[in-house]
Amino acid sequence: MASLPIFITAVANSADEPSFPLLFTWSTHDAEIKEVLVTPDDDWLHSAAVESNIQNIDENQLYEFGYEAGDILSEWTSEFDTDTVYALQPQNLALLVEAIFDSKGLEPTFEVLDIYDWFLERGLDLRNEWSALGNPTPLELMPPDEQIASLLQIAAENELIEAPEREADYD
């Protein structure tokens, strides 16, 4: 079986002028969802601030619970065996991914492509599918983990991916 695509989203330091990430959320090839707060690089904070955001993430949380860029890149390197990942807002996400790589003097090892195009290439209009499910909140405004879970669910329900079987919990 081919591995599942990687769906990724992020929360940026600013909704108007994103320049660095506060949080990344992504799916794995096993259809798990991972989420990590990002400890800001000192250079990022010299040029931009952590503004109010939809997840209510503040700078203190980032320093207390966040992970350094190098740790995030190590995890991505071990998990992403692909040269493409898919996002709802690929231009913004690519900028945030580049910030992580750039903080370590590296070039991104994968390209961020449009998730809507991924669904269209498989014959499904994601916007129509989301509307048909009766969700009043736009997908882009959902919490990051719910965005990724919804994308995986829509893809699986429309047989665009085959989610791995879970082991049953036998007590």
C-alpha atoms as a PDB file:
ATOM      1  CA  MET A   1       0.000   0.000   0.000  1.00  0.00           C
ATOM      2  CA  ALA A   2       1.259   3.474  -0.825  1.00  0.00           C
ATOM      3  CA  SER A   3       1.854   5.676   2.172  1.00  0.00           C
ATOM      4  CA  LEU A   4      -0.754   8.249   3.089  1.00  0.00           C
ATOM      5  CA  PRO A   5      -0.127  11.865   2.111  1.00  0.00           C
ATOM      6  CA  ILE A   6       1.090  14.297   4.746  1.00  0.00           C
ATOM      7  CA  PHE A   7      -1.483  17.000   5.522  1.00  0.00           C
ATOM      8  CA  ILE A   8      -0.044  19.939   7.478  1.00  0.00           C
ATOM      9  CA  THR A   9      -1.239  23.167   9.012  1.00  0.00           C
ATOM     10  CA  ALA A  10       0.199  25.807  11.305  1.00  0.00           C
ATOM     11  CA  VAL A  11      -0.580  28.769  13.504  1.00  0.00           C
ATOM     12  CA  ALA A  12       1.556  31.789  12.707  1.00  0.00           C
ATOM     13  CA  ASN A  13       2.743  34.646  14.885  1.00  0.00           C
ATOM     14  CA  SER A  14       0.372  37.000  13.025  1.00  0.00           C
ATOM     15  CA  ALA A  15      -2.776  36.513  10.984  1.00  0.00           C
ATOM     16  CA  ASP A  16      -2.031  39.614   8.886  1.00  0.00           C
ATOM     17  CA  GLU A  17       1.713  39.277   8.354  1.00  0.00           C
ATOM     18  CA  PRO A  18       2.877  35.760   9.238  1.00  0.00           C
ATOM     19  CA  SER A  19       6.638  35.492   9.558  1.00  0.00           C
ATOM     20  CA  PHE A  20       7.236  32.569  11.911  1.00  0.00           C
ATOM     21  CA  PRO A  21       5.331  29.546  13.252  1.00  0.00           C
ATOM     22  CA  LEU A  22       3.888  29.092  16.726  1.00  0.00           C
ATOM     23  CA  LEU A  23       2.456  25.628  16.151  1.00  0.00           C
ATOM     24  CA  PHE A  24       2.609  22.916  13.509  1.00  0.00           C
ATOM     25  CA  THR A  25       0.048  20.125  13.168  1.00  0.00           C
ATOM     26  CA  TRP A  26       0.438  17.313  10.651  1.00  0.00           C
ATOM     27  CA  SER A  27      -0.745  13.851   9.773  1.00  0.00           C
ATOM     28  CA  THR A  28       1.633  10.925   9.583  1.00  0.00           C
ATOM     29  CA  HIS A  29       1.730   8.096   7.074  1.00  0.00           C
ATOM     30  CA  ASP A  30      -0.109   6.059   9.728  1.00  0.00           C
ATOM     31  CA  ALA A  31      -2.995   8.587   9.844  1.00  0.00           C
ATOM     32  CA  GLU A  32      -1.918   9.802  13.276  1.00  0.00           C
ATOM     33  CA  ILE A  33      -2.033  13.504  14.069  1.00  0.00           C
ATOM     34  CA  LYS A  34       0.987  15.212  15.619  1.00  0.00           C
ATOM     35  CA  GLU A  35       1.144  18.703  17.001  1.00  0.00           C
ATOM     36  CA  VAL A  36       4.090  20.705  18.290  1.00  0.00           C
ATOM     37  CA  LEU A  37       4.545  24.188  19.702  1.00  0.00           C
ATOM     38  CA  VAL A  38       7.580  25.999  18.304  1.00  0.00           C
ATOM     39  CA  THR A  39      10.091  27.781  20.518  1.00  0.00           C
ATOM     40  CA  PRO A  40      10.770  31.085  18.729  1.00  0.00           C
ATOM     41  CA  ASP A  41      14.194  31.700  17.278  1.00  0.00           C
ATOM     42  CA  ASP A  42      15.714  34.859  18.774  1.00  0.00           C
ATOM     43  CA  ASP A  43      16.010  36.435  15.313  1.00  0.00           C
ATOM     44  CA  TRP A  44      12.277  35.979  14.714  1.00  0.00           C
ATOM     45  CA  LEU A  45      11.364  38.006  17.788  1.00  0.00           C
ATOM     46  CA  HIS A  46      13.668  40.852  16.736  1.00  0.00           C
ATOM     47  CA  SER A  47      11.594  41.429  13.603  1.00  0.00           C
ATOM     48  CA  ALA A  48       8.066  40.396  14.665  1.00  0.00           C
ATOM     49  CA  ALA A  49       5.948  39.719  17.743  1.00  0.00           C
ATOM     50  CA  VAL A  50       3.615  36.959  18.841  1.00  0.00           C
ATOM     51  CA  GLU A  51       0.190  38.475  18.275  1.00  0.00           C
ATOM     52  CA  SER A  52      -3.200  37.334  19.516  1.00  0.00           C
ATOM     53  CA  ASN A  53      -4.194  34.186  17.640  1.00  0.00           C
ATOM     54  CA  ILE A  54      -7.107  31.790  17.257  1.00  0.00           C
ATOM     55  CA  GLN A  55      -5.432  29.179  19.490  1.00  0.00           C
ATOM     56  CA  ASN A  56      -4.592  31.710  22.248  1.00  0.00           C
ATOM     57  CA  ILE A  57      -0.939  30.675  22.143  1.00  0.00           C
ATOM     58  CA  ASP A  58       1.317  33.135  23.938  1.00  0.00           C
ATOM     59  CA  GLU A  59       5.068  33.534  24.083  1.00  0.00           C
ATOM     60  CA  ASN A  60       5.322  31.987  27.570  1.00  0.00           C
ATOM     61  CA  GLN A  61       3.675  28.763  26.342  1.00  0.00           C
ATOM     62  CA  LEU A  62       6.126  28.579  23.456  1.00  0.00           C
ATOM     63  CA  TYR A  63       9.125  28.767  25.790  1.00  0.00           C
ATOM     64  CA  GLU A  64       7.617  26.421  28.362  1.00  0.00           C
ATOM     65  CA  PHE A  65       6.234  23.719  26.040  1.00  0.00           C
ATOM     66  CA  GLY A  66       7.756  24.428  22.631  1.00  0.00           C
ATOM     67  CA  TYR A  67      10.391  22.566  20.694  1.00  0.00           C
ATOM     68  CA  GLU A  68      13.429  24.053  19.002  1.00  0.00           C
ATOM     69  CA  ALA A  69      13.564  24.139  15.209  1.00  0.00           C
ATOM     70  CA  GLY A  70      16.311  21.496  15.141  1.00  0.00           C
ATOM     71  CA  ASP A  71      14.133  19.035  17.060  1.00  0.00           C
ATOM     72  CA  ILE A  72      11.200  19.637  14.720  1.00  0.00           C
ATOM     73  CA  LEU A  73      13.413  19.165  11.662  1.00  0.00           C
ATOM     74  CA  SER A  74      14.774  15.906  13.092  1.00  0.00           C
ATOM     75  CA  GLU A  75      11.244  14.612  13.566  1.00  0.00           C
ATOM     76  CA  TRP A  76      10.192  15.680  10.076  1.00  0.00           C
ATOM     77  CA  THR A  77      13.282  14.037   8.591  1.00  0.00           C
ATOM     78  CA  SER A  78      12.465  10.749  10.292  1.00  0.00           C
ATOM     79  CA  GLU A  79       8.737  10.877   9.452  1.00  0.00           C
ATOM     80  CA  PHE A  80       8.429  12.547   6.052  1.00  0.00           C
ATOM     81  CA  ASP A  81       9.586  10.202   3.312  1.00  0.00           C
ATOM     82  CA  THR A  82       8.093  12.490   0.711  1.00  0.00           C
ATOM     83  CA  ASP A  83       9.059  15.600  -1.180  1.00  0.00           C
ATOM     84  CA  THR A  84       5.540  17.073  -0.932  1.00  0.00           C
ATOM     85  CA  VAL A  85       3.121  17.894   1.862  1.00  0.00           C
ATOM     86  CA  TYR A  86      -0.350  19.400   1.487  1.00  0.00           C
ATOM     87  CA  ALA A  87      -1.878  22.453   3.161  1.00  0.00           C
ATOM     88  CA  LEU A  88      -5.044  24.539   3.040  1.00  0.00           C
ATOM     89  CA  GLN A  89      -3.038  27.733   2.593  1.00  0.00           C
ATOM     90  CA  PRO A  90       0.170  26.538   0.948  1.00  0.00           C
ATOM     91  CA  GLN A  91       1.827  29.948   0.426  1.00  0.00           C
ATOM     92  CA  ASN A  92       1.524  30.887   4.099  1.00  0.00           C
ATOM     93  CA  LEU A  93       2.534  27.447   5.271  1.00  0.00           C
ATOM     94  CA  ALA A  94       5.549  27.351   2.953  1.00  0.00           C
ATOM     95  CA  LEU A  95       6.723  30.616   4.508  1.00  0.00           C
ATOM     96  CA  LEU A  96       6.444  29.105   8.014  1.00  0.00           C
ATOM     97  CA  VAL A  97       8.209  25.893   6.979  1.00  0.00           C
ATOM     98  CA  GLU A  98      10.973  27.972   5.386  1.00  0.00           C
ATOM     99  CA  ALA A  99      11.385  29.894   8.662  1.00  0.00           C
ATOM    100  CA  ILE A 100      12.065  26.633  10.512  1.00  0.00           C
ATOM    101  CA  PHE A 101      14.617  25.427   7.960  1.00  0.00           C
ATOM    102  CA  ASP A 102      16.180  28.886   7.580  1.00  0.00           C
ATOM    103  CA  SER A 103      16.760  29.167  11.334  1.00  0.00           C
ATOM    104  CA  LYS A 104      19.188  26.259  10.925  1.00  0.00           C
ATOM    105  CA  GLY A 105      20.692  27.540   7.674  1.00  0.00           C
ATOM    106  CA  LEU A 106      18.944  24.884   5.591  1.00  0.00           C
ATOM    107  CA  GLU A 107      16.696  24.778   2.551  1.00  0.00           C
ATOM    108  CA  PRO A 108      13.306  23.023   2.861  1.00  0.00           C
ATOM    109  CA  THR A 109      13.444  19.347   1.931  1.00  0.00           C
ATOM    110  CA  PHE A 110       9.813  19.239   0.808  1.00  0.00           C
ATOM    111  CA  GLU A 111       7.394  21.397  -1.131  1.00  0.00           C
ATOM    112  CA  VAL A 112       4.073  22.587   0.281  1.00  0.00           C
ATOM    113  CA  LEU A 113       1.259  22.060  -2.221  1.00  0.00           C
ATOM    114  CA  ASP A 114      -2.418  23.012  -2.183  1.00  0.00           C
ATOM    115  CA  ILE A 115      -4.697  20.450  -0.497  1.00  0.00           C
ATOM    116  CA  TYR A 116      -7.608  21.567  -2.679  1.00  0.00           C
ATOM    117  CA  ASP A 117      -5.602  20.538  -5.745  1.00  0.00           C
ATOM    118  CA  TRP A 118      -4.806  17.163  -4.159  1.00  0.00           C
ATOM    119  CA  PHE A 119      -8.516  16.471  -3.725  1.00  0.00           C
ATOM    120  CA  LEU A 120      -9.389  17.807  -7.215  1.00  0.00           C
ATOM    121  CA  GLU A 121      -6.764  15.526  -8.811  1.00  0.00           C
ATOM    122  CA  ARG A 122      -8.702  12.666  -7.250  1.00  0.00           C
ATOM    123  CA  GLY A 123     -12.071  13.907  -8.501  1.00  0.00           C
ATOM    124  CA  LEU A 124     -13.364  15.544  -5.321  1.00  0.00           C
ATOM    125  CA  ASP A 125     -14.089  19.207  -4.645  1.00  0.00           C
ATOM    126  CA  LEU A 126     -13.054  19.703  -1.017  1.00  0.00           C
ATOM    127  CA  ARG A 127     -15.087  22.907  -0.621  1.00  0.00           C
ATOM    128  CA  ASN A 128     -18.260  21.182  -1.816  1.00  0.00           C
ATOM    129  CA  GLU A 129     -17.565  18.133   0.335  1.00  0.00           C
ATOM    130  CA  TRP A 130     -17.030  20.275   3.431  1.00  0.00           C
ATOM    131  CA  SER A 131     -20.254  22.205   2.756  1.00  0.00           C
ATOM    132  CA  ALA A 132     -22.191  18.984   2.142  1.00  0.00           C
ATOM    133  CA  LEU A 133     -21.182  17.763   5.594  1.00  0.00           C
ATOM    134  CA  GLY A 134     -23.097  20.711   7.055  1.00  0.00           C
ATOM    135  CA  ASN A 135     -20.167  22.243   8.860  1.00  0.00           C
ATOM    136  CA  PRO A 136     -20.951  25.899   9.635  1.00  0.00           C
ATOM    137  CA  THR A 137     -17.320  26.813  10.357  1.00  0.00           C
ATOM    138  CA  PRO A 138     -14.980  27.204   7.378  1.00  0.00           C
ATOM    139  CA  LEU A 139     -12.322  24.492   7.368  1.00  0.00           C
ATOM    140  CA  GLU A 140      -9.567  27.143   7.585  1.00  0.00           C
ATOM    141  CA  LEU A 141     -11.017  28.405  10.887  1.00  0.00           C
ATOM    142  CA  MET A 142     -11.161  25.022  12.590  1.00  0.00           C
ATOM    143  CA  PRO A 143      -8.537  24.245  15.241  1.00  0.00           C
ATOM    144  CA  PRO A 144      -5.432  22.758  13.576  1.00  0.00           C
ATOM    145  CA  ASP A 145      -5.929  19.213  14.878  1.00  0.00           C
ATOM    146  CA  GLU A 146      -9.577  19.263  13.758  1.00  0.00           C
ATOM    147  CA  GLN A 147      -8.523  20.519  10.304  1.00  0.00           C
ATOM    148  CA  ILE A 148      -6.160  17.595   9.848  1.00  0.00           C
ATOM    149  CA  ALA A 149      -8.650  15.080  11.268  1.00  0.00           C
ATOM    150  CA  SER A 150     -11.363  16.413   8.940  1.00  0.00           C
ATOM    151  CA  LEU A 151      -9.099  16.180   5.895  1.00  0.00           C
ATOM    152  CA  LEU A 152      -8.189  12.596   6.740  1.00  0.00           C
ATOM    153  CA  GLN A 153     -11.828  11.708   7.364  1.00  0.00           C
ATOM    154  CA  ILE A 154     -13.032  13.234   4.073  1.00  0.00           C
ATOM    155  CA  ALA A 155     -10.245  11.481   2.159  1.00  0.00           C
ATOM    156  CA  ALA A 156     -10.987   8.125   3.817  1.00  0.00           C
ATOM    157  CA  GLU A 157     -14.783   8.382   3.457  1.00  0.00           C
ATOM    158  CA  ASN A 158     -14.349   9.092  -0.250  1.00  0.00           C
ATOM    159  CA  GLU A 159     -11.878   6.211  -0.598  1.00  0.00           C
ATOM    160  CA  LEU A 160      -9.045   8.534  -1.617  1.00  0.00           C
ATOM    161  CA  ILE A 161      -6.845   7.009   1.047  1.00  0.00           C
ATOM    162  CA  GLU A 162      -6.871   3.735   2.854  1.00  0.00           C
ATOM    163  CA  ALA A 163      -6.402   4.416   6.520  1.00  0.00           C
ATOM    164  CA  PRO A 164      -4.329   1.770   8.287  1.00  0.00           C
ATOM    165  CA  GLU A 165      -6.258  -0.672  10.422  1.00  0.00           C
ATOM    166  CA  ARG A 166      -6.081  -0.010  14.141  1.00  0.00           C
ATOM    167  CA  GLU A 167      -5.378  -2.770  16.589  1.00  0.00           C
ATOM    168  CA  ALA A 168      -8.444  -3.622  18.619  1.00  0.00           C
ATOM    169  CA  ASP A 169      -8.221  -3.088  22.348  1.00  0.00           C
ATOM    170  CA  TYR A 170      -8.992  -6.418  23.940  1.00  0.00           C
ATOM    171  CA  ASP A 171      -9.330  -6.353  27.708  1.00  0.00           C
END
